[in-house]
């Protein structure tokens, strides 16, 4: 078997593991505090975007007193503290067998792998699920200036594993991530919502589908 790509960059949340429910509950607590409508449809719009941008989406329906920049920082910090509390519930058992199998196959083939995530909690999540030393590089929200759909996080991740974008596959579950991959010159594998994005190179139903894509 020969490799189609020389390396793989994985988004974290929604791809390797899912903390979407924790995000939802944490943002819901902020929205309730602001007496602002918030539901799972709005929550889906927050996938792959930064904390500050997520708050701005929530505030589209806000009808209260004007919030200063400092007020907004306090709100996002509060959301993050609540979210981090939920993250403590993650364990290595939070990884699906499908994800474990796929990662081990790629490791056995010595395929360089990186994480490219906008989340500033990436290293905490990886530690909780037992993958803090598994990937060859981890680029997260602490390392970038621009969030997805800007390709910065993927470009830095590919550079960290010494793979040029055209030979690196990005795995994503969010439209913003697929758009970022396309903008950066990457091919992409889209799962969940991202599988329907017209910019997705390889729509997949489960992570192990990547094995057939990567190994021809």
C-alpha atoms as a PDB file:
ATOM      1  CA  UNK A   1       0.000   0.000   0.000  1.00  0.00           C
ATOM      2  CA  UNK A   2       1.200   3.518  -0.738  1.00  0.00           C
ATOM      3  CA  UNK A   3       0.203   6.700   1.052  1.00  0.00           C
ATOM      4  CA  UNK A   4      -1.966   9.257  -0.710  1.00  0.00           C
ATOM      5  CA  UNK A   5      -0.943  12.010   1.733  1.00  0.00           C
ATOM      6  CA  UNK A   6       2.316  12.577   3.566  1.00  0.00           C
ATOM      7  CA  UNK A   7       0.671  13.808   6.758  1.00  0.00           C
ATOM      8  CA  UNK A   8      -2.654  14.413   8.478  1.00  0.00           C
ATOM      9  CA  UNK A   9      -3.884  17.356  10.533  1.00  0.00           C
ATOM     10  CA  UNK A  10      -6.869  16.633  12.739  1.00  0.00           C
ATOM     11  CA  UNK A  11      -9.256  19.115  14.221  1.00  0.00           C
ATOM     12  CA  UNK A  12      -9.894  18.045  17.812  1.00  0.00           C
ATOM     13  CA  UNK A  13     -13.422  18.687  18.994  1.00  0.00           C
ATOM     14  CA  UNK A  14     -15.966  16.762  16.946  1.00  0.00           C
ATOM     15  CA  UNK A  15     -13.247  14.736  15.213  1.00  0.00           C
ATOM     16  CA  UNK A  16     -11.032  13.056  17.818  1.00  0.00           C
ATOM     17  CA  UNK A  17     -13.534  13.501  20.640  1.00  0.00           C
ATOM     18  CA  UNK A  18     -16.691  15.494  21.234  1.00  0.00           C
ATOM     19  CA  UNK A  19     -17.174  18.156  23.876  1.00  0.00           C
ATOM     20  CA  UNK A  20     -19.988  19.877  22.001  1.00  0.00           C
ATOM     21  CA  UNK A  21     -22.472  19.234  24.799  1.00  0.00           C
ATOM     22  CA  UNK A  22     -20.101  20.857  27.293  1.00  0.00           C
ATOM     23  CA  UNK A  23     -19.736  23.890  25.024  1.00  0.00           C
ATOM     24  CA  UNK A  24     -23.500  24.089  24.688  1.00  0.00           C
ATOM     25  CA  UNK A  25     -24.143  23.931  28.433  1.00  0.00           C
ATOM     26  CA  UNK A  26     -21.423  26.491  29.197  1.00  0.00           C
ATOM     27  CA  UNK A  27     -22.661  28.967  26.572  1.00  0.00           C
ATOM     28  CA  UNK A  28     -26.266  28.338  27.651  1.00  0.00           C
ATOM     29  CA  UNK A  29     -25.361  29.465  31.167  1.00  0.00           C
ATOM     30  CA  UNK A  30     -23.977  32.730  29.733  1.00  0.00           C
ATOM     31  CA  UNK A  31     -26.978  33.275  27.471  1.00  0.00           C
ATOM     32  CA  UNK A  32     -29.354  32.647  30.381  1.00  0.00           C
ATOM     33  CA  UNK A  33     -27.434  35.188  32.448  1.00  0.00           C
ATOM     34  CA  UNK A  34     -27.914  37.717  29.625  1.00  0.00           C
ATOM     35  CA  UNK A  35     -31.575  36.705  29.130  1.00  0.00           C
ATOM     36  CA  UNK A  36     -30.697  36.023  25.499  1.00  0.00           C
ATOM     37  CA  UNK A  37     -32.250  33.246  23.362  1.00  0.00           C
ATOM     38  CA  UNK A  38     -29.858  30.361  22.769  1.00  0.00           C
ATOM     39  CA  UNK A  39     -30.499  26.902  21.376  1.00  0.00           C
ATOM     40  CA  UNK A  40     -28.669  24.071  19.653  1.00  0.00           C
ATOM     41  CA  UNK A  41     -29.152  25.622  16.214  1.00  0.00           C
ATOM     42  CA  UNK A  42     -27.244  28.714  17.350  1.00  0.00           C
ATOM     43  CA  UNK A  43     -24.722  26.473  19.080  1.00  0.00           C
ATOM     44  CA  UNK A  44     -23.974  24.749  15.761  1.00  0.00           C
ATOM     45  CA  UNK A  45     -22.875  28.117  14.357  1.00  0.00           C
ATOM     46  CA  UNK A  46     -20.150  28.262  17.011  1.00  0.00           C
ATOM     47  CA  UNK A  47     -18.304  25.196  15.690  1.00  0.00           C
ATOM     48  CA  UNK A  48     -14.724  25.965  14.770  1.00  0.00           C
ATOM     49  CA  UNK A  49     -14.807  29.666  15.646  1.00  0.00           C
ATOM     50  CA  UNK A  50     -13.050  31.494  18.446  1.00  0.00           C
ATOM     51  CA  UNK A  51     -14.463  32.140  21.898  1.00  0.00           C
ATOM     52  CA  UNK A  52     -14.825  35.862  21.273  1.00  0.00           C
ATOM     53  CA  UNK A  53     -16.496  35.334  17.887  1.00  0.00           C
ATOM     54  CA  UNK A  54     -18.854  32.804  19.477  1.00  0.00           C
ATOM     55  CA  UNK A  55     -19.970  35.393  22.006  1.00  0.00           C
ATOM     56  CA  UNK A  56     -20.675  37.883  19.214  1.00  0.00           C
ATOM     57  CA  UNK A  57     -22.938  35.315  17.528  1.00  0.00           C
ATOM     58  CA  UNK A  58     -24.833  34.812  20.786  1.00  0.00           C
ATOM     59  CA  UNK A  59     -25.161  38.576  21.213  1.00  0.00           C
ATOM     60  CA  UNK A  60     -26.948  38.937  17.864  1.00  0.00           C
ATOM     61  CA  UNK A  61     -30.220  38.479  19.789  1.00  0.00           C
ATOM     62  CA  UNK A  62     -29.102  40.349  22.891  1.00  0.00           C
ATOM     63  CA  UNK A  63     -31.442  43.176  23.932  1.00  0.00           C
ATOM     64  CA  UNK A  64     -29.899  44.392  27.185  1.00  0.00           C
ATOM     65  CA  UNK A  65     -27.529  47.162  28.275  1.00  0.00           C
ATOM     66  CA  UNK A  66     -24.513  47.824  26.092  1.00  0.00           C
ATOM     67  CA  UNK A  67     -21.594  45.535  26.906  1.00  0.00           C
ATOM     68  CA  UNK A  68     -18.084  46.955  27.004  1.00  0.00           C
ATOM     69  CA  UNK A  69     -15.058  45.090  25.696  1.00  0.00           C
ATOM     70  CA  UNK A  70     -14.159  44.346  29.310  1.00  0.00           C
ATOM     71  CA  UNK A  71     -17.659  42.964  29.967  1.00  0.00           C
ATOM     72  CA  UNK A  72     -17.298  40.638  26.985  1.00  0.00           C
ATOM     73  CA  UNK A  73     -13.924  39.357  28.170  1.00  0.00           C
ATOM     74  CA  UNK A  74     -15.388  38.622  31.593  1.00  0.00           C
ATOM     75  CA  UNK A  75     -18.233  36.685  29.966  1.00  0.00           C
ATOM     76  CA  UNK A  76     -15.960  34.579  27.757  1.00  0.00           C
ATOM     77  CA  UNK A  77     -13.648  33.903  30.702  1.00  0.00           C
ATOM     78  CA  UNK A  78     -16.633  32.795  32.771  1.00  0.00           C
ATOM     79  CA  UNK A  79     -17.835  30.547  29.971  1.00  0.00           C
ATOM     80  CA  UNK A  80     -14.394  28.978  29.721  1.00  0.00           C
ATOM     81  CA  UNK A  81     -14.179  28.278  33.448  1.00  0.00           C
ATOM     82  CA  UNK A  82     -17.545  26.510  33.289  1.00  0.00           C
ATOM     83  CA  UNK A  83     -16.458  24.562  30.198  1.00  0.00           C
ATOM     84  CA  UNK A  84     -13.188  23.507  31.844  1.00  0.00           C
ATOM     85  CA  UNK A  85     -15.131  22.156  34.795  1.00  0.00           C
ATOM     86  CA  UNK A  86     -17.098  19.942  32.406  1.00  0.00           C
ATOM     87  CA  UNK A  87     -13.880  18.829  30.670  1.00  0.00           C
ATOM     88  CA  UNK A  88     -12.718  17.182  33.885  1.00  0.00           C
ATOM     89  CA  UNK A  89     -15.322  14.507  33.125  1.00  0.00           C
ATOM     90  CA  UNK A  90     -13.349  13.355  30.058  1.00  0.00           C
ATOM     91  CA  UNK A  91     -11.233  10.190  30.353  1.00  0.00           C
ATOM     92  CA  UNK A  92      -9.416   7.910  27.871  1.00  0.00           C
ATOM     93  CA  UNK A  93     -12.703   5.975  27.716  1.00  0.00           C
ATOM     94  CA  UNK A  94     -14.246   9.052  26.065  1.00  0.00           C
ATOM     95  CA  UNK A  95     -12.419   8.045  22.859  1.00  0.00           C
ATOM     96  CA  UNK A  96     -14.464   5.838  20.562  1.00  0.00           C
ATOM     97  CA  UNK A  97     -13.047   2.500  19.457  1.00  0.00           C
ATOM     98  CA  UNK A  98     -13.236   3.766  15.872  1.00  0.00           C
ATOM     99  CA  UNK A  99     -10.974   6.734  16.648  1.00  0.00           C
ATOM    100  CA  UNK A 100      -8.529   4.593  18.653  1.00  0.00           C
ATOM    101  CA  UNK A 101      -8.267   2.063  15.830  1.00  0.00           C
ATOM    102  CA  UNK A 102      -7.688   4.724  13.185  1.00  0.00           C
ATOM    103  CA  UNK A 103      -5.016   6.597  15.105  1.00  0.00           C
ATOM    104  CA  UNK A 104      -3.141   3.373  15.866  1.00  0.00           C
ATOM    105  CA  UNK A 105      -3.213   2.325  12.198  1.00  0.00           C
ATOM    106  CA  UNK A 106      -1.706   5.644  11.133  1.00  0.00           C
ATOM    107  CA  UNK A 107       0.891   5.481  13.909  1.00  0.00           C
ATOM    108  CA  UNK A 108       1.892   1.965  12.809  1.00  0.00           C
ATOM    109  CA  UNK A 109       2.386   3.310   9.272  1.00  0.00           C
ATOM    110  CA  UNK A 110       4.519   6.159  10.688  1.00  0.00           C
ATOM    111  CA  UNK A 111       2.308   8.803   9.115  1.00  0.00           C
ATOM    112  CA  UNK A 112       3.010  12.227  10.686  1.00  0.00           C
ATOM    113  CA  UNK A 113      -0.047  13.497  12.567  1.00  0.00           C
ATOM    114  CA  UNK A 114      -0.854  16.876  14.089  1.00  0.00           C
ATOM    115  CA  UNK A 115      -3.722  18.572  15.853  1.00  0.00           C
ATOM    116  CA  UNK A 116      -4.913  21.894  14.416  1.00  0.00           C
ATOM    117  CA  UNK A 117      -7.578  23.339  16.697  1.00  0.00           C
ATOM    118  CA  UNK A 118      -8.835  26.834  17.460  1.00  0.00           C
ATOM    119  CA  UNK A 119      -9.517  25.805  21.060  1.00  0.00           C
ATOM    120  CA  UNK A 120      -7.259  27.187  23.774  1.00  0.00           C
ATOM    121  CA  UNK A 121      -8.202  24.131  25.854  1.00  0.00           C
ATOM    122  CA  UNK A 122      -6.679  21.674  23.384  1.00  0.00           C
ATOM    123  CA  UNK A 123      -3.839  20.500  25.613  1.00  0.00           C
ATOM    124  CA  UNK A 124      -6.192  20.029  28.577  1.00  0.00           C
ATOM    125  CA  UNK A 125      -8.543  17.921  26.449  1.00  0.00           C
ATOM    126  CA  UNK A 126      -5.687  15.813  25.047  1.00  0.00           C
ATOM    127  CA  UNK A 127      -4.396  15.225  28.565  1.00  0.00           C
ATOM    128  CA  UNK A 128      -7.828  14.158  29.815  1.00  0.00           C
ATOM    129  CA  UNK A 129      -8.296  11.633  26.995  1.00  0.00           C
ATOM    130  CA  UNK A 130      -4.754  10.272  27.266  1.00  0.00           C
ATOM    131  CA  UNK A 131      -3.362  11.651  24.003  1.00  0.00           C
ATOM    132  CA  UNK A 132      -1.178  14.463  25.329  1.00  0.00           C
ATOM    133  CA  UNK A 133       1.993  12.848  23.911  1.00  0.00           C
ATOM    134  CA  UNK A 134       0.504  10.998  20.937  1.00  0.00           C
ATOM    135  CA  UNK A 135       0.618  13.573  18.129  1.00  0.00           C
ATOM    136  CA  UNK A 136       3.771  14.834  16.424  1.00  0.00           C
ATOM    137  CA  UNK A 137       2.645  18.452  16.821  1.00  0.00           C
ATOM    138  CA  UNK A 138      -0.202  20.334  18.490  1.00  0.00           C
ATOM    139  CA  UNK A 139      -1.182  23.800  17.272  1.00  0.00           C
ATOM    140  CA  UNK A 140      -4.110  25.406  19.069  1.00  0.00           C
ATOM    141  CA  UNK A 141      -5.790  28.704  19.842  1.00  0.00           C
ATOM    142  CA  UNK A 142      -2.829  29.803  21.952  1.00  0.00           C
ATOM    143  CA  UNK A 143      -0.547  29.648  18.896  1.00  0.00           C
ATOM    144  CA  UNK A 144      -2.581  31.604  16.361  1.00  0.00           C
ATOM    145  CA  UNK A 145      -3.774  35.129  15.688  1.00  0.00           C
ATOM    146  CA  UNK A 146      -6.617  34.272  13.308  1.00  0.00           C
ATOM    147  CA  UNK A 147      -9.304  31.647  13.867  1.00  0.00           C
ATOM    148  CA  UNK A 148     -10.898  29.461  11.199  1.00  0.00           C
ATOM    149  CA  UNK A 149     -11.928  30.005   8.409  1.00  0.00           C
ATOM    150  CA  UNK A 150      -8.484  31.601   8.263  1.00  0.00           C
ATOM    151  CA  UNK A 151      -6.040  28.756   7.436  1.00  0.00           C
ATOM    152  CA  UNK A 152      -3.368  29.848   9.936  1.00  0.00           C
ATOM    153  CA  UNK A 153      -3.848  26.957  12.374  1.00  0.00           C
ATOM    154  CA  UNK A 154      -3.556  24.332   9.622  1.00  0.00           C
ATOM    155  CA  UNK A 155      -0.603  26.021   7.940  1.00  0.00           C
ATOM    156  CA  UNK A 156       1.274  26.105  11.249  1.00  0.00           C
ATOM    157  CA  UNK A 157       0.356  22.482  12.003  1.00  0.00           C
ATOM    158  CA  UNK A 158       1.540  21.288   8.585  1.00  0.00           C
ATOM    159  CA  UNK A 159       4.753  23.274   8.956  1.00  0.00           C
ATOM    160  CA  UNK A 160       5.336  21.737  12.391  1.00  0.00           C
ATOM    161  CA  UNK A 161       5.292  18.227  10.890  1.00  0.00           C
ATOM    162  CA  UNK A 162       7.245  19.420   7.826  1.00  0.00           C
ATOM    163  CA  UNK A 163       4.537  18.609   5.276  1.00  0.00           C
ATOM    164  CA  UNK A 164       3.503  21.013   2.529  1.00  0.00           C
ATOM    165  CA  UNK A 165      -0.249  21.751   2.395  1.00  0.00           C
ATOM    166  CA  UNK A 166      -0.841  20.027  -0.956  1.00  0.00           C
ATOM    167  CA  UNK A 167       0.367  16.733   0.551  1.00  0.00           C
ATOM    168  CA  UNK A 168      -1.399  17.106   3.895  1.00  0.00           C
ATOM    169  CA  UNK A 169      -4.968  15.996   4.648  1.00  0.00           C
ATOM    170  CA  UNK A 170      -7.086  18.054   7.041  1.00  0.00           C
ATOM    171  CA  UNK A 171      -9.853  16.261   8.956  1.00  0.00           C
ATOM    172  CA  UNK A 172     -12.741  18.481  10.051  1.00  0.00           C
ATOM    173  CA  UNK A 173     -16.330  18.426  11.285  1.00  0.00           C
ATOM    174  CA  UNK A 174     -17.140  22.145  10.848  1.00  0.00           C
ATOM    175  CA  UNK A 175     -17.754  24.293   7.781  1.00  0.00           C
ATOM    176  CA  UNK A 176     -15.308  26.919   9.059  1.00  0.00           C
ATOM    177  CA  UNK A 177     -12.598  24.276   9.203  1.00  0.00           C
ATOM    178  CA  UNK A 178     -13.280  23.015   5.685  1.00  0.00           C
ATOM    179  CA  UNK A 179     -13.148  26.595   4.412  1.00  0.00           C
ATOM    180  CA  UNK A 180      -9.845  27.094   6.241  1.00  0.00           C
ATOM    181  CA  UNK A 181      -8.394  23.938   4.714  1.00  0.00           C
ATOM    182  CA  UNK A 182      -9.452  25.010   1.222  1.00  0.00           C
ATOM    183  CA  UNK A 183      -8.011  28.494   1.720  1.00  0.00           C
ATOM    184  CA  UNK A 184      -4.696  27.003   2.823  1.00  0.00           C
ATOM    185  CA  UNK A 185      -4.338  24.694  -0.157  1.00  0.00           C
ATOM    186  CA  UNK A 186      -5.158  21.468   1.720  1.00  0.00           C
ATOM    187  CA  UNK A 187      -7.344  18.562   0.725  1.00  0.00           C
ATOM    188  CA  UNK A 188      -9.936  17.771   3.377  1.00  0.00           C
ATOM    189  CA  UNK A 189     -11.962  14.946   4.871  1.00  0.00           C
ATOM    190  CA  UNK A 190     -15.267  16.140   6.279  1.00  0.00           C
ATOM    191  CA  UNK A 191     -17.284  14.307   8.896  1.00  0.00           C
ATOM    192  CA  UNK A 192     -20.720  15.161  10.361  1.00  0.00           C
ATOM    193  CA  UNK A 193     -21.806  18.613   9.208  1.00  0.00           C
ATOM    194  CA  UNK A 194     -18.613  19.116   7.182  1.00  0.00           C
ATOM    195  CA  UNK A 195     -19.309  16.046   5.046  1.00  0.00           C
ATOM    196  CA  UNK A 196     -21.979  18.063   3.237  1.00  0.00           C
ATOM    197  CA  UNK A 197     -19.775  21.062   2.513  1.00  0.00           C
ATOM    198  CA  UNK A 198     -19.152  21.419  -1.249  1.00  0.00           C
ATOM    199  CA  UNK A 199     -15.495  22.270  -0.541  1.00  0.00           C
ATOM    200  CA  UNK A 200     -14.906  18.924   1.211  1.00  0.00           C
ATOM    201  CA  UNK A 201     -12.593  16.649  -0.782  1.00  0.00           C
ATOM    202  CA  UNK A 202     -13.521  13.397   0.943  1.00  0.00           C
ATOM    203  CA  UNK A 203     -16.919  13.174   2.725  1.00  0.00           C
ATOM    204  CA  UNK A 204     -16.742  10.488   5.424  1.00  0.00           C
ATOM    205  CA  UNK A 205     -19.234   8.890   7.800  1.00  0.00           C
ATOM    206  CA  UNK A 206     -16.766   7.704  10.430  1.00  0.00           C
ATOM    207  CA  UNK A 207     -13.121   8.390  11.243  1.00  0.00           C
ATOM    208  CA  UNK A 208     -11.961   4.907  10.198  1.00  0.00           C
ATOM    209  CA  UNK A 209     -13.034   5.777   6.625  1.00  0.00           C
ATOM    210  CA  UNK A 210      -9.784   7.776   6.583  1.00  0.00           C
ATOM    211  CA  UNK A 211      -7.810   4.533   6.383  1.00  0.00           C
ATOM    212  CA  UNK A 212      -9.187   3.774   2.924  1.00  0.00           C
ATOM    213  CA  UNK A 213      -8.564   7.362   1.827  1.00  0.00           C
ATOM    214  CA  UNK A 214      -4.996   7.548   3.080  1.00  0.00           C
ATOM    215  CA  UNK A 215      -3.778   4.038   2.143  1.00  0.00           C
ATOM    216  CA  UNK A 216      -4.420   3.250  -1.521  1.00  0.00           C
END
